[in-house]
Amino acid sequence: MNLADNDYHFITTWRVPSTVEEITAILGNAPDLARWWPSVYLEVTELAPGDPATGLGREVGLFTKGWLPYTLRWQFTVTDVRPGSFRLDARGDFNGRGIWTLTQDGPEVVVTYDWWVRADKPLLRDLSFIMKPLFSANHHWAMRQGERSLLLELARRHSRSAAERAVIPAPPGPTRWWPAPALLLAGAVVMGVYALTRRKRRGA
């Protein structure tokens, strides 16, 4: 299937030492994302609790970023909950859906995230035709940070004493934007705006 310039489809797989029940509890506690996955989730606010047993209908507001110097404001609603799986419908700077699937494999859980989304933030939408690989790399970076942070969170939860917890590193925080990448992105943005202007002129 051909995707529009601002359409993205990613499938990410993690493997972590845990149980489906534990990972469901961690991922299902949306406000806690800002604590254990702070490199991506800057602010998370529960807007509506949804069903108290399953979380179906829960609405959450998010303020997120990656390693690129832009932020995203969006919301999701939990629209489907099944054993080992739940679906999020996103709207805002992102519009689409994400499906988390958890499968027990011995002492580990295989965590799969299927993210199909249209980027409607103007920067992402208007420059996607030239910067799509960069935006895709940003997503892959964010998910690698998520796996790293989840492993640290599990180590914290599974520790048997305060002394063990004390030596577990804090999860990686938000990136600082260094001059060289910033100049690279600025150059790409200028090229994108120039190409977009030329495209519009040819279409006039």
N, C-alpha and C. Protein backbone atom coordinates (compact mmCIF):
# COMPACT_ATOMS: atom_id res chain seq x y z
N MET A 1 0.84 -1.20 0.00
CA MET A 1 0.00 0.00 0.00
C MET A 1 0.87 1.24 0.00
N ASN A 2 0.61 2.19 -0.90
CA ASN A 2 1.35 3.44 -0.96
C ASN A 2 0.82 4.40 0.10
N LEU A 3 1.74 5.02 0.84
CA LEU A 3 1.37 5.97 1.87
C LEU A 3 1.54 7.39 1.36
N ALA A 4 0.70 8.31 1.84
CA ALA A 4 0.89 9.71 1.56
C ALA A 4 2.18 10.18 2.22
N ASP A 5 2.69 11.35 1.78
CA ASP A 5 3.94 11.85 2.32
C ASP A 5 3.92 11.98 3.83
N ASN A 6 2.77 12.34 4.39
CA ASN A 6 2.70 12.55 5.84
C ASN A 6 2.04 11.38 6.58
N ASP A 7 1.94 10.21 5.91
CA ASP A 7 1.46 8.99 6.56
C ASP A 7 2.67 8.15 6.98
N TYR A 8 2.56 7.55 8.16
CA TYR A 8 3.65 6.73 8.69
C TYR A 8 3.07 5.43 9.24
N HIS A 9 3.79 4.35 9.00
CA HIS A 9 3.40 3.05 9.58
C HIS A 9 4.66 2.40 10.13
N PHE A 10 4.66 2.16 11.45
CA PHE A 10 5.80 1.57 12.12
C PHE A 10 5.35 0.36 12.92
N ILE A 11 6.17 -0.67 12.94
CA ILE A 11 5.95 -1.81 13.82
C ILE A 11 7.23 -2.00 14.64
N THR A 12 7.07 -1.91 15.96
CA THR A 12 8.21 -2.03 16.88
C THR A 12 8.01 -3.26 17.74
N THR A 13 9.08 -4.01 17.97
CA THR A 13 9.02 -5.19 18.82
C THR A 13 10.07 -5.10 19.92
N TRP A 14 9.62 -5.29 21.16
CA TRP A 14 10.51 -5.39 22.31
C TRP A 14 10.39 -6.80 22.90
N ARG A 15 11.41 -7.20 23.62
CA ARG A 15 11.37 -8.46 24.38
C ARG A 15 11.90 -8.16 25.77
N VAL A 16 11.06 -8.34 26.80
CA VAL A 16 11.45 -7.94 28.14
C VAL A 16 11.13 -9.04 29.15
N PRO A 17 11.92 -9.14 30.22
CA PRO A 17 11.67 -10.18 31.24
C PRO A 17 10.52 -9.75 32.16
N SER A 18 9.35 -10.29 31.94
CA SER A 18 8.18 -9.86 32.69
C SER A 18 7.03 -10.79 32.40
N THR A 19 5.83 -10.35 32.78
CA THR A 19 4.60 -11.06 32.46
C THR A 19 3.67 -10.11 31.70
N VAL A 20 2.73 -10.72 30.97
CA VAL A 20 1.76 -9.89 30.24
C VAL A 20 1.00 -9.00 31.21
N GLU A 21 0.66 -9.53 32.37
CA GLU A 21 -0.10 -8.75 33.35
C GLU A 21 0.69 -7.53 33.82
N GLU A 22 1.99 -7.72 34.07
CA GLU A 22 2.79 -6.59 34.56
C GLU A 22 2.96 -5.52 33.49
N ILE A 23 3.25 -5.93 32.25
CA ILE A 23 3.44 -4.95 31.18
C ILE A 23 2.12 -4.25 30.87
N THR A 24 1.01 -4.97 30.94
CA THR A 24 -0.28 -4.33 30.74
C THR A 24 -0.51 -3.25 31.80
N ALA A 25 -0.14 -3.54 33.04
CA ALA A 25 -0.32 -2.57 34.12
C ALA A 25 0.57 -1.34 33.90
N ILE A 26 1.79 -1.56 33.43
CA ILE A 26 2.72 -0.44 33.22
C ILE A 26 2.25 0.44 32.07
N LEU A 27 1.96 -0.17 30.92
CA LEU A 27 1.54 0.60 29.76
C LEU A 27 0.15 1.20 29.95
N GLY A 28 -0.68 0.54 30.74
CA GLY A 28 -2.04 1.02 30.95
C GLY A 28 -2.13 2.19 31.90
N ASN A 29 -1.06 2.47 32.64
CA ASN A 29 -1.03 3.61 33.57
C ASN A 29 -0.44 4.80 32.83
N ALA A 30 -1.25 5.46 32.00
CA ALA A 30 -0.75 6.50 31.11
C ALA A 30 -0.05 7.64 31.83
N PRO A 31 -0.60 8.21 32.91
CA PRO A 31 0.10 9.33 33.56
C PRO A 31 1.51 8.98 34.03
N ASP A 32 1.77 7.70 34.31
CA ASP A 32 3.08 7.29 34.81
C ASP A 32 4.14 7.24 33.70
N LEU A 33 3.71 7.36 32.44
CA LEU A 33 4.68 7.37 31.33
C LEU A 33 5.70 8.48 31.50
N ALA A 34 5.28 9.64 32.00
CA ALA A 34 6.18 10.78 32.16
C ALA A 34 7.27 10.50 33.20
N ARG A 35 7.03 9.54 34.08
CA ARG A 35 8.04 9.20 35.09
C ARG A 35 9.07 8.21 34.54
N TRP A 36 8.59 7.10 33.91
CA TRP A 36 9.56 6.08 33.53
C TRP A 36 10.02 6.18 32.07
N TRP A 37 9.34 7.01 31.24
CA TRP A 37 9.75 7.20 29.84
C TRP A 37 9.85 8.71 29.57
N PRO A 38 10.64 9.43 30.37
CA PRO A 38 10.64 10.90 30.29
C PRO A 38 11.34 11.46 29.07
N SER A 39 12.10 10.65 28.36
CA SER A 39 12.76 11.15 27.15
C SER A 39 11.76 11.51 26.06
N VAL A 40 10.57 10.92 26.13
CA VAL A 40 9.54 11.13 25.11
C VAL A 40 8.30 11.81 25.69
N TYR A 41 7.86 11.35 26.84
CA TYR A 41 6.60 11.85 27.42
C TYR A 41 6.91 12.95 28.43
N LEU A 42 6.74 14.20 27.99
CA LEU A 42 7.03 15.35 28.85
C LEU A 42 5.89 15.62 29.82
N GLU A 43 4.66 15.52 29.34
CA GLU A 43 3.48 15.70 30.18
C GLU A 43 2.40 14.72 29.72
N VAL A 44 1.75 14.08 30.68
CA VAL A 44 0.65 13.16 30.37
C VAL A 44 -0.47 13.43 31.38
N THR A 45 -1.67 13.69 30.86
CA THR A 45 -2.81 14.03 31.71
C THR A 45 -3.99 13.14 31.36
N GLU A 46 -4.56 12.50 32.35
CA GLU A 46 -5.77 11.71 32.10
C GLU A 46 -6.97 12.66 32.03
N LEU A 47 -7.66 12.65 30.89
CA LEU A 47 -8.80 13.53 30.67
C LEU A 47 -10.12 12.87 31.05
N ALA A 48 -10.19 11.56 30.88
CA ALA A 48 -11.38 10.78 31.27
C ALA A 48 -10.90 9.39 31.65
N PRO A 49 -11.38 8.80 32.76
CA PRO A 49 -10.83 7.54 33.25
C PRO A 49 -11.22 6.31 32.46
N GLY A 50 -12.36 6.35 31.77
CA GLY A 50 -12.82 5.16 31.07
C GLY A 50 -13.31 4.11 32.03
N ASP A 51 -13.47 2.89 31.54
CA ASP A 51 -13.97 1.79 32.36
C ASP A 51 -12.95 1.47 33.46
N PRO A 52 -13.38 1.40 34.72
CA PRO A 52 -12.42 1.17 35.81
C PRO A 52 -11.74 -0.19 35.75
N ALA A 53 -12.36 -1.16 35.13
CA ALA A 53 -11.77 -2.50 35.07
C ALA A 53 -10.83 -2.68 33.89
N THR A 54 -11.20 -2.16 32.74
CA THR A 54 -10.43 -2.42 31.52
C THR A 54 -9.72 -1.19 30.96
N GLY A 55 -10.17 0.01 31.33
CA GLY A 55 -9.61 1.22 30.75
C GLY A 55 -10.24 1.61 29.43
N LEU A 56 -11.21 0.82 28.94
CA LEU A 56 -11.87 1.14 27.69
C LEU A 56 -12.53 2.52 27.80
N GLY A 57 -12.28 3.37 26.80
CA GLY A 57 -12.84 4.71 26.81
C GLY A 57 -11.97 5.74 27.49
N ARG A 58 -10.85 5.33 28.09
CA ARG A 58 -9.95 6.29 28.74
C ARG A 58 -9.43 7.30 27.71
N GLU A 59 -9.41 8.56 28.10
CA GLU A 59 -8.89 9.63 27.24
C GLU A 59 -7.70 10.28 27.93
N VAL A 60 -6.64 10.48 27.16
CA VAL A 60 -5.39 10.97 27.71
C VAL A 60 -4.84 12.08 26.82
N GLY A 61 -4.36 13.16 27.44
CA GLY A 61 -3.69 14.23 26.72
C GLY A 61 -2.19 14.12 26.90
N LEU A 62 -1.43 14.34 25.81
CA LEU A 62 0.02 14.14 25.85
C LEU A 62 0.78 15.31 25.24
N PHE A 63 1.95 15.57 25.80
CA PHE A 63 2.91 16.53 25.27
C PHE A 63 4.21 15.76 25.14
N THR A 64 4.66 15.50 23.90
CA THR A 64 5.76 14.57 23.66
C THR A 64 6.82 15.20 22.75
N LYS A 65 7.99 14.54 22.73
CA LYS A 65 9.06 14.94 21.81
C LYS A 65 9.96 13.74 21.54
N GLY A 66 10.87 13.90 20.61
CA GLY A 66 11.90 12.91 20.32
C GLY A 66 13.26 13.57 20.39
N TRP A 67 14.18 13.17 19.50
CA TRP A 67 15.48 13.83 19.50
C TRP A 67 15.51 15.03 18.56
N LEU A 68 14.50 15.19 17.71
CA LEU A 68 14.40 16.39 16.88
C LEU A 68 13.80 17.54 17.69
N PRO A 69 14.11 18.79 17.31
CA PRO A 69 13.69 19.94 18.13
C PRO A 69 12.26 20.40 17.85
N TYR A 70 11.31 19.50 17.97
CA TYR A 70 9.91 19.89 17.91
C TYR A 70 9.14 19.05 18.91
N THR A 71 8.02 19.57 19.36
CA THR A 71 7.16 18.87 20.30
C THR A 71 5.80 18.62 19.66
N LEU A 72 5.06 17.71 20.25
CA LEU A 72 3.75 17.32 19.72
C LEU A 72 2.73 17.33 20.84
N ARG A 73 1.57 17.89 20.55
CA ARG A 73 0.45 17.83 21.48
C ARG A 73 -0.64 17.00 20.82
N TRP A 74 -1.07 15.96 21.51
CA TRP A 74 -2.08 15.08 20.94
C TRP A 74 -2.82 14.37 22.07
N GLN A 75 -3.85 13.68 21.70
CA GLN A 75 -4.66 12.93 22.66
C GLN A 75 -4.91 11.53 22.11
N PHE A 76 -5.17 10.61 23.02
CA PHE A 76 -5.62 9.30 22.54
C PHE A 76 -6.78 8.82 23.40
N THR A 77 -7.58 7.97 22.78
CA THR A 77 -8.69 7.30 23.45
C THR A 77 -8.49 5.80 23.32
N VAL A 78 -8.64 5.07 24.40
CA VAL A 78 -8.57 3.60 24.34
C VAL A 78 -9.89 3.10 23.75
N THR A 79 -9.82 2.55 22.54
CA THR A 79 -11.04 2.18 21.82
C THR A 79 -11.28 0.68 21.74
N ASP A 80 -10.32 -0.13 22.15
CA ASP A 80 -10.52 -1.58 22.12
C ASP A 80 -9.58 -2.22 23.14
N VAL A 81 -10.10 -3.11 23.94
CA VAL A 81 -9.28 -3.81 24.93
C VAL A 81 -9.60 -5.30 24.85
N ARG A 82 -8.54 -6.10 24.65
CA ARG A 82 -8.68 -7.56 24.61
C ARG A 82 -7.56 -8.17 25.43
N PRO A 83 -7.65 -9.43 25.79
CA PRO A 83 -6.55 -10.06 26.54
C PRO A 83 -5.22 -9.93 25.78
N GLY A 84 -4.26 -9.25 26.36
CA GLY A 84 -2.96 -9.09 25.73
C GLY A 84 -2.92 -8.05 24.63
N SER A 85 -3.93 -7.21 24.52
CA SER A 85 -3.93 -6.23 23.43
C SER A 85 -4.86 -5.06 23.77
N PHE A 86 -4.45 -3.87 23.37
CA PHE A 86 -5.36 -2.73 23.44
C PHE A 86 -5.00 -1.73 22.35
N ARG A 87 -6.03 -1.00 21.91
CA ARG A 87 -5.89 -0.06 20.79
C ARG A 87 -6.11 1.37 21.28
N LEU A 88 -5.29 2.28 20.73
CA LEU A 88 -5.40 3.71 21.00
C LEU A 88 -5.73 4.43 19.71
N ASP A 89 -6.71 5.30 19.73
CA ASP A 89 -7.00 6.16 18.58
C ASP A 89 -6.50 7.56 18.90
N ALA A 90 -5.60 8.07 18.05
CA ALA A 90 -4.92 9.34 18.31
C ALA A 90 -5.52 10.47 17.48
N ARG A 91 -5.45 11.67 18.05
CA ARG A 91 -5.90 12.87 17.34
C ARG A 91 -5.09 14.06 17.84
N GLY A 92 -4.98 15.08 16.99
CA GLY A 92 -4.19 16.25 17.34
C GLY A 92 -3.08 16.43 16.33
N ASP A 93 -1.84 16.66 16.80
CA ASP A 93 -0.71 16.75 15.87
C ASP A 93 -0.49 15.42 15.16
N PHE A 94 -0.93 14.32 15.77
CA PHE A 94 -0.98 13.00 15.14
C PHE A 94 -2.44 12.57 15.04
N ASN A 95 -2.80 11.90 13.95
CA ASN A 95 -4.13 11.32 13.82
C ASN A 95 -3.96 9.90 13.26
N GLY A 96 -4.48 8.93 13.99
CA GLY A 96 -4.33 7.55 13.54
C GLY A 96 -4.64 6.60 14.67
N ARG A 97 -3.91 5.46 14.70
CA ARG A 97 -4.16 4.48 15.73
C ARG A 97 -2.88 3.71 16.05
N GLY A 98 -2.82 3.27 17.30
CA GLY A 98 -1.72 2.42 17.75
C GLY A 98 -2.28 1.20 18.44
N ILE A 99 -1.67 0.04 18.22
CA ILE A 99 -2.11 -1.20 18.85
C ILE A 99 -0.93 -1.84 19.56
N TRP A 100 -1.08 -1.98 20.88
CA TRP A 100 -0.10 -2.71 21.68
C TRP A 100 -0.56 -4.18 21.78
N THR A 101 0.36 -5.10 21.49
CA THR A 101 0.07 -6.53 21.61
C THR A 101 1.15 -7.17 22.46
N LEU A 102 0.73 -7.92 23.48
CA LEU A 102 1.66 -8.53 24.43
C LEU A 102 1.50 -10.05 24.38
N THR A 103 2.61 -10.75 24.22
CA THR A 103 2.58 -12.21 24.12
C THR A 103 3.60 -12.80 25.07
N GLN A 104 3.17 -13.72 25.93
CA GLN A 104 4.10 -14.37 26.85
C GLN A 104 4.92 -15.40 26.10
N ASP A 105 6.23 -15.38 26.29
CA ASP A 105 7.14 -16.35 25.68
C ASP A 105 8.11 -16.81 26.76
N GLY A 106 7.70 -17.81 27.52
CA GLY A 106 8.51 -18.25 28.65
C GLY A 106 8.59 -17.14 29.70
N PRO A 107 9.81 -16.82 30.15
CA PRO A 107 9.95 -15.78 31.17
C PRO A 107 9.92 -14.36 30.60
N GLU A 108 9.70 -14.24 29.31
CA GLU A 108 9.74 -12.93 28.66
C GLU A 108 8.39 -12.60 28.03
N VAL A 109 8.21 -11.31 27.79
CA VAL A 109 7.03 -10.83 27.07
C VAL A 109 7.49 -10.19 25.76
N VAL A 110 6.89 -10.60 24.68
CA VAL A 110 7.12 -9.96 23.39
C VAL A 110 6.10 -8.83 23.26
N VAL A 111 6.61 -7.62 23.20
CA VAL A 111 5.77 -6.42 23.13
C VAL A 111 5.84 -5.88 21.71
N THR A 112 4.70 -5.80 21.05
CA THR A 112 4.64 -5.28 19.68
C THR A 112 3.77 -4.04 19.65
N TYR A 113 4.29 -2.99 19.03
CA TYR A 113 3.50 -1.77 18.87
C TYR A 113 3.34 -1.48 17.39
N ASP A 114 2.11 -1.47 16.92
CA ASP A 114 1.76 -1.21 15.52
C ASP A 114 1.16 0.19 15.46
N TRP A 115 1.91 1.12 14.90
CA TRP A 115 1.57 2.55 14.93
C TRP A 115 1.34 3.03 13.50
N TRP A 116 0.09 3.36 13.18
CA TRP A 116 -0.27 3.84 11.85
C TRP A 116 -0.86 5.23 12.04
N VAL A 117 -0.15 6.24 11.55
CA VAL A 117 -0.53 7.60 11.93
C VAL A 117 -0.27 8.57 10.77
N ARG A 118 -1.09 9.61 10.75
CA ARG A 118 -0.87 10.72 9.82
C ARG A 118 -0.42 11.92 10.63
N ALA A 119 0.72 12.50 10.25
CA ALA A 119 1.28 13.65 10.96
C ALA A 119 0.64 14.92 10.42
N ASP A 120 -0.17 15.58 11.25
CA ASP A 120 -0.88 16.78 10.82
C ASP A 120 -0.34 18.07 11.43
N LYS A 121 0.70 17.97 12.28
CA LYS A 121 1.39 19.18 12.71
C LYS A 121 1.97 19.83 11.47
N PRO A 122 1.79 21.15 11.26
CA PRO A 122 2.23 21.78 10.00
C PRO A 122 3.67 21.46 9.61
N LEU A 123 4.60 21.50 10.56
CA LEU A 123 5.99 21.19 10.24
C LEU A 123 6.12 19.80 9.65
N LEU A 124 5.47 18.83 10.27
CA LEU A 124 5.56 17.45 9.80
C LEU A 124 4.81 17.25 8.49
N ARG A 125 3.63 17.87 8.40
CA ARG A 125 2.80 17.69 7.20
C ARG A 125 3.44 18.33 5.98
N ASP A 126 3.89 19.57 6.12
CA ASP A 126 4.34 20.34 4.96
C ASP A 126 5.73 19.93 4.48
N LEU A 127 6.55 19.40 5.38
CA LEU A 127 7.92 19.05 4.98
C LEU A 127 8.15 17.55 4.91
N SER A 128 7.11 16.75 5.09
CA SER A 128 7.28 15.30 5.08
C SER A 128 7.84 14.78 3.77
N PHE A 129 7.50 15.43 2.66
CA PHE A 129 7.92 14.91 1.36
C PHE A 129 9.44 14.91 1.21
N ILE A 130 10.13 15.75 1.99
CA ILE A 130 11.59 15.79 1.89
C ILE A 130 12.26 15.25 3.16
N MET A 131 11.56 15.31 4.30
CA MET A 131 12.20 14.97 5.57
C MET A 131 11.64 13.68 6.19
N LYS A 132 10.88 12.92 5.42
CA LYS A 132 10.26 11.72 5.98
C LYS A 132 11.26 10.77 6.62
N PRO A 133 12.43 10.52 6.02
CA PRO A 133 13.39 9.62 6.68
C PRO A 133 13.84 10.15 8.04
N LEU A 134 13.98 11.47 8.16
CA LEU A 134 14.40 12.05 9.43
C LEU A 134 13.31 11.89 10.49
N PHE A 135 12.07 12.12 10.10
CA PHE A 135 10.96 11.94 11.03
C PHE A 135 10.82 10.47 11.43
N SER A 136 11.05 9.57 10.48
CA SER A 136 10.99 8.14 10.80
C SER A 136 12.09 7.76 11.79
N ALA A 137 13.29 8.29 11.57
CA ALA A 137 14.39 8.01 12.49
C ALA A 137 14.06 8.52 13.89
N ASN A 138 13.36 9.63 13.96
CA ASN A 138 12.96 10.19 15.25
C ASN A 138 12.05 9.22 16.01
N HIS A 139 11.10 8.60 15.28
CA HIS A 139 10.21 7.63 15.91
C HIS A 139 10.99 6.41 16.40
N HIS A 140 11.90 5.90 15.57
CA HIS A 140 12.66 4.71 15.97
C HIS A 140 13.52 5.01 17.20
N TRP A 141 14.09 6.22 17.26
CA TRP A 141 14.86 6.62 18.44
C TRP A 141 13.96 6.61 19.67
N ALA A 142 12.76 7.18 19.55
CA ALA A 142 11.84 7.25 20.69
C ALA A 142 11.49 5.86 21.19
N MET A 143 11.28 4.92 20.29
CA MET A 143 10.91 3.57 20.71
C MET A 143 12.10 2.84 21.33
N ARG A 144 13.32 3.09 20.84
CA ARG A 144 14.49 2.51 21.50
C ARG A 144 14.63 3.03 22.92
N GLN A 145 14.36 4.32 23.10
CA GLN A 145 14.39 4.89 24.44
C GLN A 145 13.32 4.25 25.32
N GLY A 146 12.17 3.95 24.72
CA GLY A 146 11.10 3.31 25.46
C GLY A 146 11.51 1.92 25.95
N GLU A 147 12.14 1.15 25.08
CA GLU A 147 12.58 -0.19 25.49
C GLU A 147 13.62 -0.10 26.61
N ARG A 148 14.56 0.81 26.45
CA ARG A 148 15.59 1.00 27.48
C ARG A 148 14.96 1.42 28.81
N SER A 149 14.02 2.35 28.74
CA SER A 149 13.38 2.84 29.96
C SER A 149 12.52 1.77 30.60
N LEU A 150 11.85 0.94 29.79
CA LEU A 150 11.02 -0.13 30.33
C LEU A 150 11.88 -1.16 31.06
N LEU A 151 13.03 -1.50 30.50
CA LEU A 151 13.92 -2.44 31.16
C LEU A 151 14.40 -1.90 32.50
N LEU A 152 14.67 -0.60 32.57
CA LEU A 152 15.07 0.01 33.84
C LEU A 152 13.92 -0.01 34.84
N GLU A 153 12.70 0.25 34.35
CA GLU A 153 11.53 0.22 35.22
C GLU A 153 11.30 -1.18 35.76
N LEU A 154 11.48 -2.19 34.92
CA LEU A 154 11.32 -3.57 35.39
C LEU A 154 12.40 -3.94 36.41
N ALA A 155 13.62 -3.47 36.16
CA ALA A 155 14.69 -3.73 37.13
C ALA A 155 14.35 -3.10 38.48
N ARG A 156 13.79 -1.90 38.44
CA ARG A 156 13.39 -1.24 39.68
C ARG A 156 12.29 -2.02 40.39
N ARG A 157 11.29 -2.44 39.62
CA ARG A 157 10.17 -3.18 40.21
C ARG A 157 10.61 -4.54 40.76
N HIS A 158 11.57 -5.18 40.10
CA HIS A 158 11.98 -6.53 40.48
C HIS A 158 13.09 -6.53 41.52
N SER A 159 13.61 -5.37 41.87
CA SER A 159 14.69 -5.31 42.86
C SER A 159 14.18 -5.79 44.21
N ARG A 160 15.06 -6.40 44.97
CA ARG A 160 14.66 -7.03 46.23
C ARG A 160 15.00 -6.19 47.46
N SER A 161 15.65 -5.06 47.26
CA SER A 161 16.01 -4.24 48.40
C SER A 161 16.24 -2.80 47.96
N ALA A 162 16.26 -1.91 48.92
CA ALA A 162 16.54 -0.50 48.63
C ALA A 162 17.94 -0.35 48.06
N ALA A 163 18.87 -1.18 48.52
CA ALA A 163 20.25 -1.11 48.02
C ALA A 163 20.30 -1.47 46.54
N GLU A 164 19.54 -2.48 46.14
CA GLU A 164 19.50 -2.85 44.72
C GLU A 164 18.88 -1.73 43.89
N ARG A 165 17.81 -1.14 44.39
CA ARG A 165 17.15 -0.05 43.66
C ARG A 165 18.07 1.15 43.51
N ALA A 166 18.91 1.37 44.50
CA ALA A 166 19.76 2.57 44.50
C ALA A 166 20.78 2.57 43.37
N VAL A 167 21.15 1.40 42.88
CA VAL A 167 22.17 1.34 41.83
C VAL A 167 21.56 1.29 40.43
N ILE A 168 20.24 1.27 40.35
CA ILE A 168 19.60 1.25 39.03
C ILE A 168 19.59 2.68 38.48
N PRO A 169 20.12 2.91 37.28
CA PRO A 169 20.17 4.27 36.74
C PRO A 169 18.77 4.83 36.51
N ALA A 170 18.67 6.15 36.55
CA ALA A 170 17.43 6.82 36.19
C ALA A 170 17.19 6.65 34.69
N PRO A 171 15.94 6.67 34.25
CA PRO A 171 15.68 6.56 32.81
C PRO A 171 16.24 7.76 32.08
N PRO A 172 16.61 7.59 30.82
CA PRO A 172 17.14 8.73 30.05
C PRO A 172 16.10 9.84 29.92
N GLY A 173 16.55 11.06 30.08
CA GLY A 173 15.65 12.20 30.01
C GLY A 173 15.55 12.77 28.60
N PRO A 174 14.82 13.87 28.45
CA PRO A 174 14.68 14.51 27.13
C PRO A 174 16.05 14.94 26.59
N THR A 175 16.17 14.93 25.28
CA THR A 175 17.44 15.29 24.66
C THR A 175 17.67 16.79 24.73
N ARG A 176 18.95 17.15 24.79
CA ARG A 176 19.35 18.54 24.60
C ARG A 176 19.73 18.68 23.13
N TRP A 177 19.37 19.80 22.55
CA TRP A 177 19.60 19.96 21.12
C TRP A 177 20.93 20.63 20.87
N TRP A 178 21.89 19.88 20.33
CA TRP A 178 23.23 20.40 20.13
C TRP A 178 23.32 21.17 18.81
N PRO A 179 24.28 22.10 18.67
CA PRO A 179 24.36 22.98 17.50
C PRO A 179 24.45 22.25 16.17
N ALA A 180 25.27 21.20 16.07
CA ALA A 180 25.46 20.56 14.77
C ALA A 180 24.17 19.96 14.23
N PRO A 181 23.45 19.13 15.01
CA PRO A 181 22.17 18.62 14.51
C PRO A 181 21.17 19.73 14.22
N ALA A 182 21.21 20.79 15.04
CA ALA A 182 20.28 21.90 14.82
C ALA A 182 20.53 22.56 13.49
N LEU A 183 21.81 22.77 13.16
CA LEU A 183 22.15 23.38 11.88
C LEU A 183 21.75 22.46 10.73
N LEU A 184 21.94 21.15 10.93
CA LEU A 184 21.54 20.19 9.89
C LEU A 184 20.05 20.26 9.63
N LEU A 185 19.27 20.28 10.72
CA LEU A 185 17.82 20.35 10.56
C LEU A 185 17.41 21.67 9.94
N ALA A 186 18.04 22.78 10.37
CA ALA A 186 17.71 24.09 9.82
C ALA A 186 17.94 24.10 8.31
N GLY A 187 19.07 23.49 7.89
CA GLY A 187 19.34 23.41 6.47
C GLY A 187 18.30 22.60 5.73
N ALA A 188 17.88 21.48 6.36
CA ALA A 188 16.86 20.65 5.74
C ALA A 188 15.53 21.40 5.65
N VAL A 189 15.21 22.17 6.68
CA VAL A 189 13.96 22.93 6.67
C VAL A 189 13.99 23.97 5.55
N VAL A 190 15.12 24.68 5.43
CA VAL A 190 15.23 25.68 4.36
C VAL A 190 15.07 25.03 3.00
N MET A 191 15.73 23.89 2.80
CA MET A 191 15.60 23.18 1.52
C MET A 191 14.17 22.74 1.30
N GLY A 192 13.51 22.28 2.39
CA GLY A 192 12.13 21.84 2.26
C GLY A 192 11.20 22.98 1.88
N VAL A 193 11.38 24.13 2.54
CA VAL A 193 10.53 25.29 2.23
C VAL A 193 10.76 25.73 0.78
N TYR A 194 12.02 25.72 0.36
CA TYR A 194 12.34 26.11 -1.02
C TYR A 194 11.68 25.16 -2.01
N ALA A 195 11.80 23.85 -1.74
CA ALA A 195 11.19 22.87 -2.64
C ALA A 195 9.68 22.98 -2.65
N LEU A 196 9.10 23.23 -1.47
CA LEU A 196 7.65 23.38 -1.38
C LEU A 196 7.18 24.59 -2.16
N THR A 197 7.94 25.68 -2.05
CA THR A 197 7.58 26.90 -2.79
C THR A 197 7.62 26.66 -4.29
N ARG A 198 8.69 25.97 -4.75
CA ARG A 198 8.79 25.66 -6.17
C ARG A 198 7.66 24.77 -6.64
N ARG A 199 7.27 23.81 -5.81
CA ARG A 199 6.17 22.91 -6.16
C ARG A 199 4.87 23.69 -6.32
N LYS A 200 4.62 24.63 -5.38
CA LYS A 200 3.40 25.41 -5.44
C LYS A 200 3.40 26.33 -6.67
N ARG A 201 4.56 26.88 -7.01
CA ARG A 201 4.64 27.74 -8.18
C ARG A 201 4.36 26.97 -9.46
N ARG A 202 4.91 25.75 -9.53
CA ARG A 202 4.66 24.94 -10.73
C ARG A 202 3.20 24.55 -10.83
N GLY A 203 2.53 24.40 -9.67
CA GLY A 203 1.13 24.02 -9.69
C GLY A 203 0.21 25.19 -9.95
N ALA A 204 0.73 26.43 -9.84
CA ALA A 204 -0.10 27.61 -10.02
C ALA A 204 -0.52 27.79 -11.47
